[in-house]
Amino acid sequence: MFNRHPTDPPINPTDPTGPIAPPSDPTAPDGPVIDPTGPTDPPFDPTAPPVPPEPETAPER
């Protein structure tokens, strides 16, 4: 069982599978729109300075 938040509605002991919260508001705005294609890389700039190499890790002892 997980911890419940103090503001959560109580669980209905006679019907634990039944609705315990009011129905959602159909006029509420949706969440943020997520672009399914993901972010795009910037165009290649041949004049940009090279990216410095990552530092090597310390050798194993």
Protein backbone atom coordinates (compact mmCIF):
# COMPACT_ATOMS: atom_id res chain seq x y z
CA MET A 1 0.00 0.00 0.00
CA PHE A 2 1.22 3.47 -0.72
CA ASN A 3 1.02 6.60 1.38
CA ARG A 4 -1.94 8.81 0.65
CA HIS A 5 -1.79 12.57 0.56
CA PRO A 6 -3.78 14.30 3.35
CA THR A 7 -6.01 16.01 0.78
CA ASP A 8 -6.88 12.77 -1.04
CA PRO A 9 -10.53 11.77 -0.68
CA PRO A 10 -11.13 8.82 1.63
CA ILE A 11 -11.32 5.35 0.15
CA ASN A 12 -14.84 4.01 0.11
CA PRO A 13 -14.60 0.93 2.38
CA THR A 14 -17.83 -0.58 1.03
CA ASP A 15 -16.74 -0.36 -2.61
CA PRO A 16 -12.97 0.11 -3.00
CA THR A 17 -13.26 -0.17 -6.78
CA GLY A 18 -15.96 2.47 -7.05
CA PRO A 19 -15.45 6.15 -7.82
CA ILE A 20 -13.90 8.06 -4.93
CA ALA A 21 -13.43 11.43 -6.63
CA PRO A 22 -15.75 13.65 -8.60
CA PRO A 23 -15.58 13.31 -12.39
CA SER A 24 -12.95 15.41 -14.12
CA ASP A 25 -13.88 18.80 -15.52
CA PRO A 26 -14.31 18.43 -19.31
CA THR A 27 -13.70 22.17 -19.75
CA ALA A 28 -10.31 22.08 -18.02
CA PRO A 29 -7.35 22.83 -20.31
CA ASP A 30 -5.18 19.95 -21.40
CA GLY A 31 -1.59 19.67 -20.27
CA PRO A 32 1.35 20.96 -22.26
CA VAL A 33 1.52 19.85 -25.87
CA ILE A 34 4.49 17.52 -26.37
CA ASP A 35 6.04 17.40 -29.81
CA PRO A 36 6.17 13.67 -30.70
CA THR A 37 9.05 14.25 -33.08
CA GLY A 38 11.26 15.59 -30.28
CA PRO A 39 13.73 18.47 -30.41
CA THR A 40 15.66 19.12 -33.57
CA ASP A 41 19.41 19.64 -33.79
CA PRO A 42 20.60 23.06 -34.89
CA PRO A 43 21.86 23.25 -38.46
CA PHE A 44 25.53 22.37 -38.95
CA ASP A 45 27.82 25.42 -38.81
CA PRO A 46 31.18 24.69 -40.46
CA THR A 47 32.62 27.91 -38.98
CA ALA A 48 31.90 26.94 -35.38
CA PRO A 49 34.88 26.12 -33.13
CA PRO A 50 35.46 22.42 -32.44
CA VAL A 51 33.97 20.92 -29.32
CA PRO A 52 36.69 20.20 -26.73
CA PRO A 53 37.13 16.49 -25.96
CA GLU A 54 35.76 15.15 -22.71
CA PRO A 55 38.36 14.70 -19.97
CA GLU A 56 39.56 11.15 -19.57
CA THR A 57 38.75 9.31 -16.39
CA ALA A 58 41.44 8.45 -13.89
CA PRO A 59 43.12 5.08 -14.46
CA GLU A 60 41.98 2.15 -12.37
CA ARG A 61 44.21 1.34 -9.43
